Structure formats: C-alpha cells, structure tokens
Amino acid sequence: MKPKANLVAQRLVNLYRQEHVILGGWAALNPIFVNEATEDVLIEMADLPTGKMLVQHIKNLRSGKTPMDSIDRNLLPYGGLMAESAVTMPLDEKQWIDLENAINNFTPTQQGLIDLQKLDIIKRFGDEWLVAIKTILSGRPELLPKWKIVMQTYRAYHLWDMATQIINQPLTERARAQIQADMPEYETFLPMFADEGKKLLERLRTFMKETKHPDTQQD
C-alpha cells in the first residue's frame, strides 16, 4: 500500500533535520528528496516546521540550481548558525589536542557520549554540538570517520529513548504515524543494541499494528 503523503512528508523533513548524523550527508539524502517528494507530498511538507525550506531545496535540486551533493547555505537546517559559529571560532593547540584525544578515545556507549560532552569545546555549542564539531573537523578530515561513529552512537541512543517513551505511552494514531515516519531510522540504528535493540524494534512494529489506522476510524 502506498504511504500517505503526510507520512512521507514527515519522514523527509526528519531526514532533512538530521543530515548531520546521516552517513553520506546531502549526497545520500538529495536523491531521496527528489524521488519521493511528489506534488501531494510537497503540499503536506509545506505545512510542517522547516518544511517550506525543504520544499525550496527540492525545487533547487530539480531545477539544477543546487548540485545533488550540496544545499544552498540559506536553506541549511537551523539556519546553519552552528556551522557558521564553528567556522569563525579557531581552536588553539590545547583545544585541538583535547578534541582529538576525546575523539580517538571515544567508546560507542552512552557513557562514552557523556564523557565526550564534558569537553569545554563541546559544551560551548550546547545542543548543536554535533553539527558544530563536524564543521570544525573539516580542517582535520582524518578525524571525520571517527566523528561519524560519534554521530551514529548519539542518534542510536536518541532513537532508543524515543522508542521507549512511545511504547510506554497510551496507544494513539499520532504515535503510530510518527513510528511509521521514523521506521527507516529505527531499522538502521536499533540493531546496534544487539538482541535488546531487535526486541525493541519488534515491539515498535507490533505497536503500529495495534493502533487504529485512520482509514478505519469512525466519525
């Protein structure tokens, strides 16, 4: 059955906002945006937070104005503010040493994330530290593969928390729709938690089946 336009729109907007933790970045996401954003999806997307920006980005891609591995700076999620701040904030030698040591010694666990976020340079960027540090590391590309592990770990634990909260709440159609929109990411990241992650993924799938589909609701 073809997914409803509003669910596809929500999923694409979620991907747009999370580009900084997705391997391949814009080069991986842009073909998805172009292929899946039908006219009815674009209409639904325009009503979502940051959705109008993504609509314009897709139009730019289709017209050729924006290359398929890029995005117009004015259309960056969050206004690109964190990335711009990172670029204009040079690190001294000690900060580079501390950051490099933290990345090299990072363990892909929740405690590893906690320890990393204690670093002063990371605290400086608040909730947008993943975006900011990724930008800073453009000057040290040899560290980017290891930073991708940090981003994947952060996203995995974030999705674990989201999934746990959802299935512990009363069943609602809104929750079902949100799970369906985010399911590709759940299927990607929850298996990182081995058997426990696979069990949680199955609980999400069961949860979706137990909620009432909007087409079956009565007025």
C-alpha atoms as a PDB file:
ATOM      1  CA  MET A   1       0.000   0.000   0.000  1.00  0.00           C
ATOM      2  CA  LYS A   2       1.319   3.424  -0.941  1.00  0.00           C
ATOM      3  CA  PRO A   3       2.320   5.520   2.117  1.00  0.00           C
ATOM      4  CA  LYS A   4       0.157   8.539   2.819  1.00  0.00           C
ATOM      5  CA  ALA A   5       1.582  11.869   1.661  1.00  0.00           C
ATOM      6  CA  ASN A   6       1.701  13.328   5.173  1.00  0.00           C
ATOM      7  CA  LEU A   7       3.781  10.398   6.459  1.00  0.00           C
ATOM      8  CA  VAL A   8       6.254  10.665   3.577  1.00  0.00           C
ATOM      9  CA  ALA A   9       6.495  14.425   4.117  1.00  0.00           C
ATOM     10  CA  GLN A  10       7.216  13.982   7.838  1.00  0.00           C
ATOM     11  CA  ARG A  11       9.866  11.345   7.146  1.00  0.00           C
ATOM     12  CA  LEU A  12      11.635  13.558   4.592  1.00  0.00           C
ATOM     13  CA  VAL A  13      11.604  16.541   6.954  1.00  0.00           C
ATOM     14  CA  ASN A  14      13.033  14.319   9.708  1.00  0.00           C
ATOM     15  CA  LEU A  15      15.861  13.291   7.374  1.00  0.00           C
ATOM     16  CA  TYR A  16      16.462  16.924   6.412  1.00  0.00           C
ATOM     17  CA  ARG A  17      16.847  17.947  10.059  1.00  0.00           C
ATOM     18  CA  GLN A  18      19.138  15.020  10.826  1.00  0.00           C
ATOM     19  CA  GLU A  19      21.521  15.337   7.857  1.00  0.00           C
ATOM     20  CA  HIS A  20      24.436  15.890  10.232  1.00  0.00           C
ATOM     21  CA  VAL A  21      24.123  12.341  11.628  1.00  0.00           C
ATOM     22  CA  ILE A  22      23.473  10.551   8.329  1.00  0.00           C
ATOM     23  CA  LEU A  23      26.353   8.911   6.501  1.00  0.00           C
ATOM     24  CA  GLY A  24      26.871  10.443   3.090  1.00  0.00           C
ATOM     25  CA  GLY A  25      25.196  13.709   4.083  1.00  0.00           C
ATOM     26  CA  TRP A  26      23.452  15.666   1.329  1.00  0.00           C
ATOM     27  CA  ALA A  27      24.840  13.427  -1.405  1.00  0.00           C
ATOM     28  CA  ALA A  28      22.950  10.495   0.143  1.00  0.00           C
ATOM     29  CA  LEU A  29      19.768  12.396   1.027  1.00  0.00           C
ATOM     30  CA  ASN A  30      19.176  14.579  -2.027  1.00  0.00           C
ATOM     31  CA  PRO A  31      18.249  11.706  -4.396  1.00  0.00           C
ATOM     32  CA  ILE A  32      15.713  10.531  -1.781  1.00  0.00           C
ATOM     33  CA  PHE A  33      14.175  14.003  -1.582  1.00  0.00           C
ATOM     34  CA  VAL A  34      13.910  14.291  -5.365  1.00  0.00           C
ATOM     35  CA  ASN A  35      12.497  10.800  -5.902  1.00  0.00           C
ATOM     36  CA  GLU A  36       9.957  10.714  -3.067  1.00  0.00           C
ATOM     37  CA  ALA A  37       8.638  14.292  -2.958  1.00  0.00           C
ATOM     38  CA  THR A  38       5.566  14.041  -5.186  1.00  0.00           C
ATOM     39  CA  GLU A  39       3.268  17.053  -5.538  1.00  0.00           C
ATOM     40  CA  ASP A  40       0.949  15.874  -2.756  1.00  0.00           C
ATOM     41  CA  VAL A  41       3.959  15.275  -0.508  1.00  0.00           C
ATOM     42  CA  LEU A  42       5.258  18.797  -1.186  1.00  0.00           C
ATOM     43  CA  ILE A  43       1.886  20.252  -0.216  1.00  0.00           C
ATOM     44  CA  GLU A  44       1.925  18.387   3.111  1.00  0.00           C
ATOM     45  CA  MET A  45       5.580  19.252   3.661  1.00  0.00           C
ATOM     46  CA  ALA A  46       4.967  22.994   3.373  1.00  0.00           C
ATOM     47  CA  ASP A  47       2.790  22.862   6.490  1.00  0.00           C
ATOM     48  CA  LEU A  48       5.490  21.248   8.659  1.00  0.00           C
ATOM     49  CA  PRO A  49       8.122  23.150  10.708  1.00  0.00           C
ATOM     50  CA  THR A  50      11.115  23.861   8.393  1.00  0.00           C
ATOM     51  CA  GLY A  51       9.104  22.136   5.649  1.00  0.00           C
ATOM     52  CA  LYS A  52       8.981  25.195   3.386  1.00  0.00           C
ATOM     53  CA  MET A  53      12.777  25.307   3.390  1.00  0.00           C
ATOM     54  CA  LEU A  54      12.946  21.683   2.312  1.00  0.00           C
ATOM     55  CA  VAL A  55      10.369  22.321  -0.421  1.00  0.00           C
ATOM     56  CA  GLN A  56      12.579  25.095  -1.811  1.00  0.00           C
ATOM     57  CA  HIS A  57      15.661  22.877  -1.535  1.00  0.00           C
ATOM     58  CA  ILE A  58      13.922  20.150  -3.553  1.00  0.00           C
ATOM     59  CA  LYS A  59      12.889  22.694  -6.197  1.00  0.00           C
ATOM     60  CA  ASN A  60      16.515  23.879  -6.401  1.00  0.00           C
ATOM     61  CA  LEU A  61      17.709  20.301  -6.880  1.00  0.00           C
ATOM     62  CA  ARG A  62      15.183  19.592  -9.612  1.00  0.00           C
ATOM     63  CA  SER A  63      15.986  22.786 -11.484  1.00  0.00           C
ATOM     64  CA  GLY A  64      19.729  22.118 -11.310  1.00  0.00           C
ATOM     65  CA  LYS A  65      20.364  25.289  -9.314  1.00  0.00           C
ATOM     66  CA  THR A  66      21.772  23.187  -6.479  1.00  0.00           C
ATOM     67  CA  PRO A  67      24.119  20.237  -7.198  1.00  0.00           C
ATOM     68  CA  MET A  68      22.925  16.831  -5.995  1.00  0.00           C
ATOM     69  CA  ASP A  69      25.669  16.656  -3.374  1.00  0.00           C
ATOM     70  CA  SER A  70      25.009  20.079  -1.872  1.00  0.00           C
ATOM     71  CA  ILE A  71      22.477  22.546  -0.434  1.00  0.00           C
ATOM     72  CA  ASP A  72      22.074  26.307  -0.622  1.00  0.00           C
ATOM     73  CA  ARG A  73      23.606  27.799   2.514  1.00  0.00           C
ATOM     74  CA  ASN A  74      20.419  29.792   3.174  1.00  0.00           C
ATOM     75  CA  LEU A  75      18.424  26.544   3.346  1.00  0.00           C
ATOM     76  CA  LEU A  76      20.580  24.733   5.888  1.00  0.00           C
ATOM     77  CA  PRO A  77      18.581  23.324   8.825  1.00  0.00           C
ATOM     78  CA  TYR A  78      18.709  25.578  11.888  1.00  0.00           C
ATOM     79  CA  GLY A  79      19.838  28.372   9.598  1.00  0.00           C
ATOM     80  CA  GLY A  80      23.376  26.975   9.545  1.00  0.00           C
ATOM     81  CA  LEU A  81      24.084  29.119  12.601  1.00  0.00           C
ATOM     82  CA  MET A  82      26.056  26.495  14.484  1.00  0.00           C
ATOM     83  CA  ALA A  83      28.181  25.677  11.474  1.00  0.00           C
ATOM     84  CA  GLU A  84      28.921  29.346  10.868  1.00  0.00           C
ATOM     85  CA  SER A  85      29.873  29.889  14.516  1.00  0.00           C
ATOM     86  CA  ALA A  86      32.178  26.890  14.368  1.00  0.00           C
ATOM     87  CA  VAL A  87      33.961  28.141  11.277  1.00  0.00           C
ATOM     88  CA  THR A  88      34.628  31.544  12.829  1.00  0.00           C
ATOM     89  CA  MET A  89      35.910  30.096  16.110  1.00  0.00           C
ATOM     90  CA  PRO A  90      39.506  28.899  15.703  1.00  0.00           C
ATOM     91  CA  LEU A  91      40.835  26.318  18.181  1.00  0.00           C
ATOM     92  CA  ASP A  92      44.131  26.778  19.952  1.00  0.00           C
ATOM     93  CA  GLU A  93      46.661  23.953  20.163  1.00  0.00           C
ATOM     94  CA  LYS A  94      45.410  22.655  23.507  1.00  0.00           C
ATOM     95  CA  GLN A  95      41.794  22.588  22.312  1.00  0.00           C
ATOM     96  CA  TRP A  96      42.784  20.631  19.233  1.00  0.00           C
ATOM     97  CA  ILE A  97      44.744  18.136  21.350  1.00  0.00           C
ATOM     98  CA  ASP A  98      41.847  17.715  23.787  1.00  0.00           C
ATOM     99  CA  LEU A  99      39.321  17.296  20.984  1.00  0.00           C
ATOM    100  CA  GLU A 100      41.480  14.858  19.030  1.00  0.00           C
ATOM    101  CA  ASN A 101      42.182  12.750  22.138  1.00  0.00           C
ATOM    102  CA  ALA A 102      38.491  12.682  23.027  1.00  0.00           C
ATOM    103  CA  ILE A 103      37.520  11.534  19.534  1.00  0.00           C
ATOM    104  CA  ASN A 104      40.267   8.912  19.321  1.00  0.00           C
ATOM    105  CA  ASN A 105      39.394   7.517  22.753  1.00  0.00           C
ATOM    106  CA  PHE A 106      35.625   7.592  22.239  1.00  0.00           C
ATOM    107  CA  THR A 107      33.734   4.405  23.053  1.00  0.00           C
ATOM    108  CA  PRO A 108      30.330   3.960  21.314  1.00  0.00           C
ATOM    109  CA  THR A 109      28.332   3.751  24.534  1.00  0.00           C
ATOM    110  CA  GLN A 110      26.080   6.072  26.490  1.00  0.00           C
ATOM    111  CA  GLN A 111      28.888   6.708  28.965  1.00  0.00           C
ATOM    112  CA  GLY A 112      31.187   7.489  26.053  1.00  0.00           C
ATOM    113  CA  LEU A 113      28.756  10.197  24.921  1.00  0.00           C
ATOM    114  CA  ILE A 114      28.511  11.599  28.465  1.00  0.00           C
ATOM    115  CA  ASP A 115      32.297  11.784  28.791  1.00  0.00           C
ATOM    116  CA  LEU A 116      32.668  13.446  25.390  1.00  0.00           C
ATOM    117  CA  GLN A 117      30.077  16.109  26.178  1.00  0.00           C
ATOM    118  CA  LYS A 118      32.053  17.160  29.262  1.00  0.00           C
ATOM    119  CA  LEU A 119      34.667  18.689  26.954  1.00  0.00           C
ATOM    120  CA  ASP A 120      34.643  22.507  27.149  1.00  0.00           C
ATOM    121  CA  ILE A 121      34.737  22.956  23.371  1.00  0.00           C
ATOM    122  CA  ILE A 122      31.615  20.784  23.040  1.00  0.00           C
ATOM    123  CA  LYS A 123      29.773  22.490  25.907  1.00  0.00           C
ATOM    124  CA  ARG A 124      30.248  25.789  24.092  1.00  0.00           C
ATOM    125  CA  PHE A 125      27.855  24.757  21.315  1.00  0.00           C
ATOM    126  CA  GLY A 126      25.064  23.454  23.545  1.00  0.00           C
ATOM    127  CA  ASP A 127      22.527  21.192  21.858  1.00  0.00           C
ATOM    128  CA  GLU A 128      24.047  21.739  18.398  1.00  0.00           C
ATOM    129  CA  TRP A 129      27.478  20.359  19.262  1.00  0.00           C
ATOM    130  CA  LEU A 130      27.264  17.547  16.689  1.00  0.00           C
ATOM    131  CA  VAL A 131      26.793  19.995  13.812  1.00  0.00           C
ATOM    132  CA  ALA A 132      29.403  22.431  15.085  1.00  0.00           C
ATOM    133  CA  ILE A 133      32.164  19.889  15.690  1.00  0.00           C
ATOM    134  CA  LYS A 134      31.526  18.235  12.332  1.00  0.00           C
ATOM    135  CA  THR A 135      32.109  21.639  10.723  1.00  0.00           C
ATOM    136  CA  ILE A 136      35.240  22.295  12.765  1.00  0.00           C
ATOM    137  CA  LEU A 137      36.654  18.930  11.682  1.00  0.00           C
ATOM    138  CA  SER A 138      36.524  19.982   8.032  1.00  0.00           C
ATOM    139  CA  GLY A 139      40.021  21.259   8.832  1.00  0.00           C
ATOM    140  CA  ARG A 140      41.045  17.816  10.106  1.00  0.00           C
ATOM    141  CA  PRO A 141      39.356  15.410   7.684  1.00  0.00           C
ATOM    142  CA  GLU A 142      41.287  12.421   9.051  1.00  0.00           C
ATOM    143  CA  LEU A 143      39.106  12.653  12.177  1.00  0.00           C
ATOM    144  CA  LEU A 144      35.770  12.701  10.320  1.00  0.00           C
ATOM    145  CA  PRO A 145      35.380   8.879  10.052  1.00  0.00           C
ATOM    146  CA  LYS A 146      35.701   8.605  13.829  1.00  0.00           C
ATOM    147  CA  TRP A 147      33.305  11.524  14.304  1.00  0.00           C
ATOM    148  CA  LYS A 148      30.745   9.651  12.227  1.00  0.00           C
ATOM    149  CA  ILE A 149      30.870   6.924  14.881  1.00  0.00           C
ATOM    150  CA  VAL A 150      30.092   9.568  17.499  1.00  0.00           C
ATOM    151  CA  MET A 151      27.132  10.821  15.440  1.00  0.00           C
ATOM    152  CA  GLN A 152      25.790   7.311  14.849  1.00  0.00           C
ATOM    153  CA  THR A 153      26.075   6.492  18.547  1.00  0.00           C
ATOM    154  CA  TYR A 154      24.267   9.679  19.539  1.00  0.00           C
ATOM    155  CA  ARG A 155      21.468   9.013  17.049  1.00  0.00           C
ATOM    156  CA  ALA A 156      21.133   5.397  18.154  1.00  0.00           C
ATOM    157  CA  TYR A 157      20.665   6.313  21.824  1.00  0.00           C
ATOM    158  CA  HIS A 158      18.320   9.155  20.914  1.00  0.00           C
ATOM    159  CA  LEU A 159      16.121   6.785  18.914  1.00  0.00           C
ATOM    160  CA  TRP A 160      16.274   4.199  21.704  1.00  0.00           C
ATOM    161  CA  ASP A 161      14.933   6.807  24.147  1.00  0.00           C
ATOM    162  CA  MET A 162      12.245   7.939  21.698  1.00  0.00           C
ATOM    163  CA  ALA A 163      11.096   4.376  21.019  1.00  0.00           C
ATOM    164  CA  THR A 164      10.976   3.513  24.719  1.00  0.00           C
ATOM    165  CA  GLN A 165       8.916   6.607  25.506  1.00  0.00           C
ATOM    166  CA  ILE A 166       6.468   5.937  22.672  1.00  0.00           C
ATOM    167  CA  ILE A 167       5.692   2.315  23.555  1.00  0.00           C
ATOM    168  CA  ASN A 168       5.274   3.194  27.241  1.00  0.00           C
ATOM    169  CA  GLN A 169       2.550   5.749  26.424  1.00  0.00           C
ATOM    170  CA  PRO A 170      -1.131   5.049  25.624  1.00  0.00           C
ATOM    171  CA  LEU A 171      -1.705   3.898  22.046  1.00  0.00           C
ATOM    172  CA  THR A 172      -2.572   6.772  19.726  1.00  0.00           C
ATOM    173  CA  GLU A 173      -2.844   7.203  15.988  1.00  0.00           C
ATOM    174  CA  ARG A 174      -0.386  10.072  16.181  1.00  0.00           C
ATOM    175  CA  ALA A 175       2.197   7.782  17.788  1.00  0.00           C
ATOM    176  CA  ARG A 176       1.626   5.174  15.077  1.00  0.00           C
ATOM    177  CA  ALA A 177       2.152   7.759  12.356  1.00  0.00           C
ATOM    178  CA  GLN A 178       5.341   9.017  13.999  1.00  0.00           C
ATOM    179  CA  ILE A 179       6.747   5.499  14.261  1.00  0.00           C
ATOM    180  CA  GLN A 180       5.958   4.846  10.619  1.00  0.00           C
ATOM    181  CA  ALA A 181       7.690   8.058   9.582  1.00  0.00           C
ATOM    182  CA  ASP A 182      10.798   7.228  11.616  1.00  0.00           C
ATOM    183  CA  MET A 183      10.832   3.455  10.975  1.00  0.00           C
ATOM    184  CA  PRO A 184      13.707   3.539   8.432  1.00  0.00           C
ATOM    185  CA  GLU A 185      15.945   5.085  11.090  1.00  0.00           C
ATOM    186  CA  TYR A 186      14.745   2.670  13.773  1.00  0.00           C
ATOM    187  CA  GLU A 187      15.565  -0.205  11.429  1.00  0.00           C
ATOM    188  CA  THR A 188      19.028   1.255  10.861  1.00  0.00           C
ATOM    189  CA  PHE A 189      20.037   2.131  14.407  1.00  0.00           C
ATOM    190  CA  LEU A 190      18.202  -0.115  16.888  1.00  0.00           C
ATOM    191  CA  PRO A 191      20.037  -3.288  15.735  1.00  0.00           C
ATOM    192  CA  MET A 192      23.194  -1.596  17.085  1.00  0.00           C
ATOM    193  CA  PHE A 193      21.874  -2.650  20.514  1.00  0.00           C
ATOM    194  CA  ALA A 194      22.052  -6.340  19.542  1.00  0.00           C
ATOM    195  CA  ASP A 195      19.211  -8.551  20.818  1.00  0.00           C
ATOM    196  CA  GLU A 196      17.695  -5.840  23.013  1.00  0.00           C
ATOM    197  CA  GLY A 197      17.555  -3.462  20.055  1.00  0.00           C
ATOM    198  CA  LYS A 198      15.931  -6.083  17.836  1.00  0.00           C
ATOM    199  CA  LYS A 199      13.333  -6.795  20.532  1.00  0.00           C
ATOM    200  CA  LEU A 200      12.551  -3.087  20.820  1.00  0.00           C
ATOM    201  CA  LEU A 201      12.210  -2.859  17.039  1.00  0.00           C
ATOM    202  CA  GLU A 202       9.711  -5.722  17.058  1.00  0.00           C
ATOM    203  CA  ARG A 203       7.758  -4.023  19.851  1.00  0.00           C
ATOM    204  CA  LEU A 204       7.530  -0.899  17.702  1.00  0.00           C
ATOM    205  CA  ARG A 205       6.235  -2.928  14.762  1.00  0.00           C
ATOM    206  CA  THR A 206       3.660  -4.601  17.000  1.00  0.00           C
ATOM    207  CA  PHE A 207       2.682  -1.234  18.444  1.00  0.00           C
ATOM    208  CA  MET A 208       1.992   0.082  14.934  1.00  0.00           C
ATOM    209  CA  LYS A 209      -0.304  -2.869  14.181  1.00  0.00           C
ATOM    210  CA  GLU A 210      -2.216  -2.451  17.436  1.00  0.00           C
ATOM    211  CA  THR A 211      -3.142   1.195  16.820  1.00  0.00           C
ATOM    212  CA  LYS A 212      -6.157   2.030  14.749  1.00  0.00           C
ATOM    213  CA  HIS A 213      -5.491   3.075  11.160  1.00  0.00           C
ATOM    214  CA  PRO A 214      -7.124   6.425  10.289  1.00  0.00           C
ATOM    215  CA  ASP A 215      -8.978   4.857   7.376  1.00  0.00           C
ATOM    216  CA  THR A 216     -10.852   2.608   9.809  1.00  0.00           C
ATOM    217  CA  GLN A 217     -11.866   5.334  12.258  1.00  0.00           C
ATOM    218  CA  GLN A 218     -15.492   6.259  12.549  1.00  0.00           C
ATOM    219  CA  ASP A 219     -16.781   9.826  12.667  1.00  0.00           C
END
